[in-house]
Amino acid sequence: MLNLSIYDKNKSRIMDEQRCLGSIVEVLRFGLTTEARENAAATLFSLSAVHDYKKKIADEDGAVEALSRLLRDGTPRGKKDAVTALFNLSTHSENCGRMIEAGAVAALVAAMGNDGVAEEAAGALALILRQPAGAAAVVKEDAALAGLIGMMRCGTPRGKENAVAALLELCRCGGMAATEKVLKAPALAGLVHSLLFTGTKRARRKAASLARVFQRCENGNAAEVRLSGYSRAVYAGGANVAPTRDSSFVGDVSVRMAISVPVL
């Protein structure tokens, strides 16, 4: 089924077949072998590449829970299959609530500590954070802020890009309490400054936007934030960066989308 799902024309046939999606999810939940569960997760990743199927997959009983469990407890291959499937599902705004209640947010936060899946996990969180309910859920995770800042410090270029995008969305959608928590985080100011000059184009844009949040809070006395000596350089460096959000829902995050299992 995984091999069949890779071919685009087969995706609709699989999804239209009665009980086929449910059977795939049952294998993901109750498969007798690790390989069977991993293949089921990879199949959901493949099918969820189609926007019209993202909501249907997320609504299937037990699907998001099983993907979250595989992300927490699976093998390296299983974790990769699970996180890419969850990333795909997170690109549909109507899936946010389902992912929160199914435990995906907690699993994604924990996954930022695993180098093999960290950048995809941060990318999924950045998308979930665009919803106020998603921001509230992430704020409740004690390890979330430290994980994102740690990725800004030591992550891959894509990981740093996704982490700063997630922090920016947390400030935008999480309310003043979340913003103050972000801005008071140790070492964040220096990381934003560094990323503005050394990050990818998208990362520099997001870093400049986050620096504007710093400035607004400082000017409005909304938080006790000290920008240290780099403030002027940040805004000079970010002067040519457009402050508007991309029209594309997934344009602010970057992940490598590839099924990790070879065709047999």
Protein backbone atom coordinates (compact mmCIF):
# COMPACT_ATOMS: atom_id res chain seq x y z
CA MET A 1 0.00 0.00 0.00
CA LEU A 2 2.89 2.35 0.73
CA ASN A 3 4.42 1.71 -2.68
CA LEU A 4 1.07 2.24 -4.37
CA SER A 5 0.47 5.50 -2.51
CA ILE A 6 3.65 7.06 -3.84
CA TYR A 7 2.10 7.25 -7.32
CA ASP A 8 -0.14 10.33 -7.33
CA LYS A 9 -3.01 8.81 -9.28
CA ASN A 10 -3.28 6.02 -6.74
CA LYS A 11 -3.78 8.37 -3.81
CA SER A 12 -7.40 9.10 -4.73
CA ARG A 13 -8.09 5.42 -5.32
CA ILE A 14 -6.81 4.55 -1.87
CA MET A 15 -8.72 7.33 -0.16
CA ASP A 16 -11.94 6.54 -2.05
CA GLU A 17 -11.80 2.85 -1.23
CA GLN A 18 -14.19 2.09 1.61
CA ARG A 19 -12.41 1.43 4.92
CA CYS A 20 -8.97 1.60 3.33
CA LEU A 21 -7.86 4.62 5.37
CA GLY A 22 -9.26 3.05 8.50
CA SER A 23 -7.35 -0.16 7.82
CA ILE A 24 -4.08 1.74 7.37
CA VAL A 25 -4.63 3.50 10.69
CA GLU A 26 -5.43 0.17 12.37
CA VAL A 27 -2.06 -1.17 11.21
CA LEU A 28 -0.40 1.98 12.53
CA ARG A 29 -2.08 1.49 15.90
CA PHE A 30 -2.03 -2.26 16.32
CA GLY A 31 0.40 -3.68 13.74
CA LEU A 32 2.23 -6.73 15.02
CA THR A 33 5.64 -5.65 13.73
CA THR A 34 7.59 -2.43 13.89
CA GLU A 35 8.00 -2.45 10.12
CA ALA A 36 4.24 -2.71 9.57
CA ARG A 37 3.57 0.29 11.81
CA GLU A 38 6.31 2.30 10.12
CA ASN A 39 4.97 1.48 6.66
CA ALA A 40 1.51 2.59 7.76
CA ALA A 41 2.91 5.91 9.02
CA ALA A 42 4.82 6.42 5.78
CA THR A 43 1.63 5.69 3.83
CA LEU A 44 -0.22 8.39 5.78
CA PHE A 45 2.63 10.78 5.07
CA SER A 46 2.35 10.01 1.36
CA LEU A 47 -1.44 10.43 1.31
CA SER A 48 -1.35 13.61 3.39
CA ALA A 49 0.63 15.36 0.69
CA VAL A 50 -2.76 16.03 -0.93
CA HIS A 51 -4.45 18.96 0.80
CA ASP A 52 -7.96 17.57 0.46
CA TYR A 53 -6.95 14.47 2.45
CA LYS A 54 -5.24 16.16 5.39
CA LYS A 55 -8.44 16.81 7.35
CA LYS A 56 -9.85 13.37 6.61
CA ILE A 57 -6.69 11.67 7.84
CA ALA A 58 -6.53 13.78 11.01
CA ASP A 59 -10.19 13.02 11.75
CA GLU A 60 -9.71 9.26 11.41
CA ASP A 61 -10.06 7.74 14.85
CA GLY A 62 -6.67 7.19 16.47
CA ALA A 63 -4.54 8.40 13.56
CA VAL A 64 -2.91 11.45 15.15
CA GLU A 65 -2.56 9.68 18.49
CA ALA A 66 -0.73 6.78 16.85
CA LEU A 67 1.56 9.08 14.87
CA SER A 68 2.36 10.98 18.06
CA ARG A 69 3.13 7.75 19.88
CA LEU A 70 5.40 6.60 17.06
CA LEU A 71 7.20 9.94 17.13
CA ARG A 72 7.85 9.52 20.85
CA ASP A 73 8.70 5.83 20.99
CA GLY A 74 9.55 4.63 17.49
CA THR A 75 12.79 3.72 15.78
CA PRO A 76 14.69 6.48 13.95
CA ARG A 77 12.88 5.53 10.74
CA GLY A 78 9.53 5.41 12.52
CA LYS A 79 10.10 8.82 14.10
CA LYS A 80 10.93 10.28 10.69
CA ASP A 81 7.81 8.81 9.09
CA ALA A 82 5.67 10.07 11.96
CA VAL A 83 7.04 13.61 12.11
CA THR A 84 6.73 14.17 8.36
CA ALA A 85 3.14 12.92 8.46
CA LEU A 86 2.37 15.22 11.39
CA PHE A 87 4.01 18.12 9.56
CA ASN A 88 1.77 17.53 6.56
CA LEU A 89 -1.32 17.40 8.75
CA SER A 90 -0.31 20.60 10.54
CA THR A 91 -0.38 22.54 7.26
CA HIS A 92 -4.20 22.35 7.35
CA SER A 93 -5.45 25.02 9.74
CA GLU A 94 -8.55 23.05 10.70
CA ASN A 95 -6.42 20.24 12.13
CA CYS A 96 -4.97 22.33 14.96
CA GLY A 97 -7.55 21.37 17.57
CA ARG A 98 -7.37 17.70 16.68
CA MET A 99 -3.58 17.69 16.97
CA ILE A 100 -3.71 19.35 20.37
CA GLU A 101 -6.21 16.92 21.85
CA ALA A 102 -4.38 13.93 20.37
CA GLY A 103 -1.10 14.83 22.07
CA ALA A 104 0.77 15.84 18.93
CA VAL A 105 2.00 19.13 20.39
CA ALA A 106 3.70 17.42 23.33
CA ALA A 107 5.25 14.83 21.02
CA LEU A 108 6.55 17.51 18.65
CA VAL A 109 8.05 19.51 21.51
CA ALA A 110 9.85 16.42 22.78
CA ALA A 111 11.04 15.62 19.24
CA MET A 112 13.02 18.86 19.07
CA GLY A 113 15.56 17.11 21.26
CA ASN A 114 16.21 14.51 18.55
CA ASP A 115 18.51 15.71 15.79
CA GLY A 116 16.97 13.32 13.27
CA VAL A 117 13.51 14.90 13.44
CA ALA A 118 14.08 18.27 15.14
CA GLU A 119 13.72 20.57 12.14
CA GLU A 120 10.46 18.94 10.98
CA ALA A 121 9.09 19.08 14.53
CA ALA A 122 9.88 22.79 14.80
CA GLY A 123 8.30 23.36 11.38
CA ALA A 124 5.09 21.66 12.46
CA LEU A 125 5.00 23.66 15.68
CA ALA A 126 5.46 26.91 13.76
CA LEU A 127 2.31 26.08 11.78
CA ILE A 128 0.29 24.99 14.82
CA LEU A 129 1.32 28.19 16.58
CA ARG A 130 -0.53 30.24 13.99
CA GLN A 131 -3.74 29.33 15.76
CA PRO A 132 -4.38 30.91 19.20
CA ALA A 133 -5.35 27.50 20.57
CA GLY A 134 -2.09 26.09 19.25
CA ALA A 135 -0.10 28.89 20.87
CA ALA A 136 -1.85 28.25 24.18
CA ALA A 137 -1.03 24.54 23.96
CA VAL A 138 2.64 25.15 23.18
CA VAL A 139 3.00 27.65 26.04
CA LYS A 140 1.83 24.94 28.45
CA GLU A 141 4.74 22.72 27.38
CA ASP A 142 7.60 23.62 29.71
CA ALA A 143 10.26 22.38 27.30
CA ALA A 144 8.94 24.22 24.24
CA LEU A 145 10.72 27.54 24.63
CA ALA A 146 14.03 25.98 25.65
CA GLY A 147 13.80 23.56 22.74
CA LEU A 148 13.23 26.29 20.17
CA ILE A 149 16.01 28.46 21.55
CA GLY A 150 18.33 25.47 21.63
CA MET A 151 17.60 24.84 17.97
CA MET A 152 18.35 28.47 17.14
CA ARG A 153 21.71 27.96 18.81
CA CYS A 154 22.73 24.55 17.49
CA GLY A 155 20.27 23.45 14.82
CA THR A 156 20.64 23.04 11.09
CA PRO A 157 20.02 26.12 8.91
CA ARG A 158 16.47 24.85 8.27
CA GLY A 159 16.03 24.07 11.93
CA LYS A 160 17.08 27.57 12.96
CA GLU A 161 14.73 28.98 10.34
CA ASN A 162 11.79 26.98 11.66
CA ALA A 163 12.63 27.75 15.28
CA VAL A 164 12.68 31.52 14.82
CA ALA A 165 9.46 31.28 12.80
CA ALA A 166 7.85 29.36 15.67
CA LEU A 167 8.97 31.92 18.24
CA LEU A 168 7.61 34.73 16.11
CA GLU A 169 4.23 32.99 15.78
CA LEU A 170 4.20 32.38 19.54
CA CYS A 171 4.57 36.12 20.08
CA ARG A 172 1.95 36.96 17.46
CA CYS A 173 -0.72 34.53 18.58
CA GLY A 174 0.10 33.68 22.19
CA GLY A 175 -0.79 36.99 23.82
CA MET A 176 1.29 39.31 25.95
CA ALA A 177 2.13 36.71 28.58
CA ALA A 178 3.65 34.42 25.95
CA THR A 179 5.47 37.33 24.32
CA GLU A 180 7.03 38.39 27.61
CA LYS A 181 8.10 34.82 28.29
CA VAL A 182 9.82 34.67 24.89
CA LEU A 183 11.51 38.04 25.17
CA LYS A 184 12.85 37.34 28.65
CA ALA A 185 14.45 34.07 27.60
CA PRO A 186 18.21 34.08 28.29
CA ALA A 187 20.47 34.52 25.25
CA LEU A 188 17.60 34.98 22.81
CA ALA A 189 18.58 38.53 21.88
CA GLY A 190 22.07 37.49 20.83
CA LEU A 191 20.73 34.53 18.85
CA VAL A 192 18.30 36.76 16.97
CA HIS A 193 21.11 39.14 16.16
CA SER A 194 23.34 36.35 14.93
CA LEU A 195 20.60 34.80 12.83
CA LEU A 196 19.76 38.10 11.21
CA PHE A 197 23.20 38.23 9.64
CA THR A 198 24.04 34.55 9.17
CA GLY A 199 20.73 32.77 8.59
CA THR A 200 18.89 31.82 5.44
CA LYS A 201 16.89 34.49 3.67
CA ARG A 202 13.68 33.37 5.35
CA ALA A 203 15.40 33.10 8.73
CA ARG A 204 16.75 36.65 8.41
CA ARG A 205 13.27 37.91 7.61
CA LYS A 206 11.78 36.16 10.62
CA ALA A 207 14.60 37.34 12.88
CA ALA A 208 13.99 40.93 11.81
CA SER A 209 10.27 40.55 12.54
CA LEU A 210 11.02 39.13 15.98
CA ALA A 211 13.40 42.01 16.64
CA ARG A 212 10.54 44.40 15.85
CA VAL A 213 8.51 42.65 18.52
CA PHE A 214 11.40 43.28 20.92
CA GLN A 215 11.40 46.94 19.98
CA ARG A 216 7.64 47.41 20.31
CA CYS A 217 7.65 45.85 23.77
CA GLU A 218 10.59 47.95 24.86
CA ASN A 219 9.11 51.18 23.53
CA GLY A 220 5.71 50.42 25.06
CA ASN A 221 7.15 49.22 28.37
CA ALA A 222 5.17 46.03 27.86
CA ALA A 223 8.00 43.85 29.09
CA GLU A 224 11.24 44.39 30.92
CA VAL A 225 13.42 43.52 27.97
CA ARG A 226 16.94 44.78 27.35
CA LEU A 227 18.07 44.63 23.76
CA SER A 228 21.75 45.06 24.67
CA GLY A 229 24.05 46.82 22.22
CA TYR A 230 22.87 45.21 19.01
CA SER A 231 19.44 46.85 18.72
CA ARG A 232 20.45 49.51 16.24
CA ALA A 233 22.28 47.02 14.06
CA VAL A 234 19.27 44.70 14.02
CA TYR A 235 16.95 47.36 12.69
CA ALA A 236 19.50 48.70 10.27
CA GLY A 237 20.11 45.20 8.99
CA GLY A 238 16.40 44.46 8.82
CA ALA A 239 15.40 47.67 7.12
CA ASN A 240 15.02 46.00 3.76
CA VAL A 241 13.04 43.05 5.09
CA ALA A 242 9.33 43.17 4.37
CA PRO A 243 7.30 42.95 7.60
CA THR A 244 4.30 41.29 6.00
CA ARG A 245 3.49 37.62 6.36
CA ASP A 246 3.76 35.32 3.39
CA SER A 247 0.45 34.57 1.72
CA SER A 248 1.33 30.89 1.62
CA PHE A 249 0.36 29.08 4.81
CA VAL A 250 3.45 26.90 4.77
CA GLY A 251 5.82 29.48 3.35
CA ASP A 252 7.38 30.26 6.71
CA VAL A 253 8.77 26.82 7.42
CA SER A 254 11.09 24.54 5.57
CA VAL A 255 11.49 20.79 5.73
CA ARG A 256 12.81 18.12 3.43
CA MET A 257 9.82 16.11 2.32
CA ALA A 258 10.91 12.62 1.33
CA ILE A 259 9.56 9.23 2.24
CA SER A 260 12.24 7.45 4.19
CA VAL A 261 11.41 3.96 2.93
CA PRO A 262 12.68 2.67 -0.43
CA VAL A 263 10.21 1.22 -2.89
CA LEU A 264 10.47 -2.54 -2.62
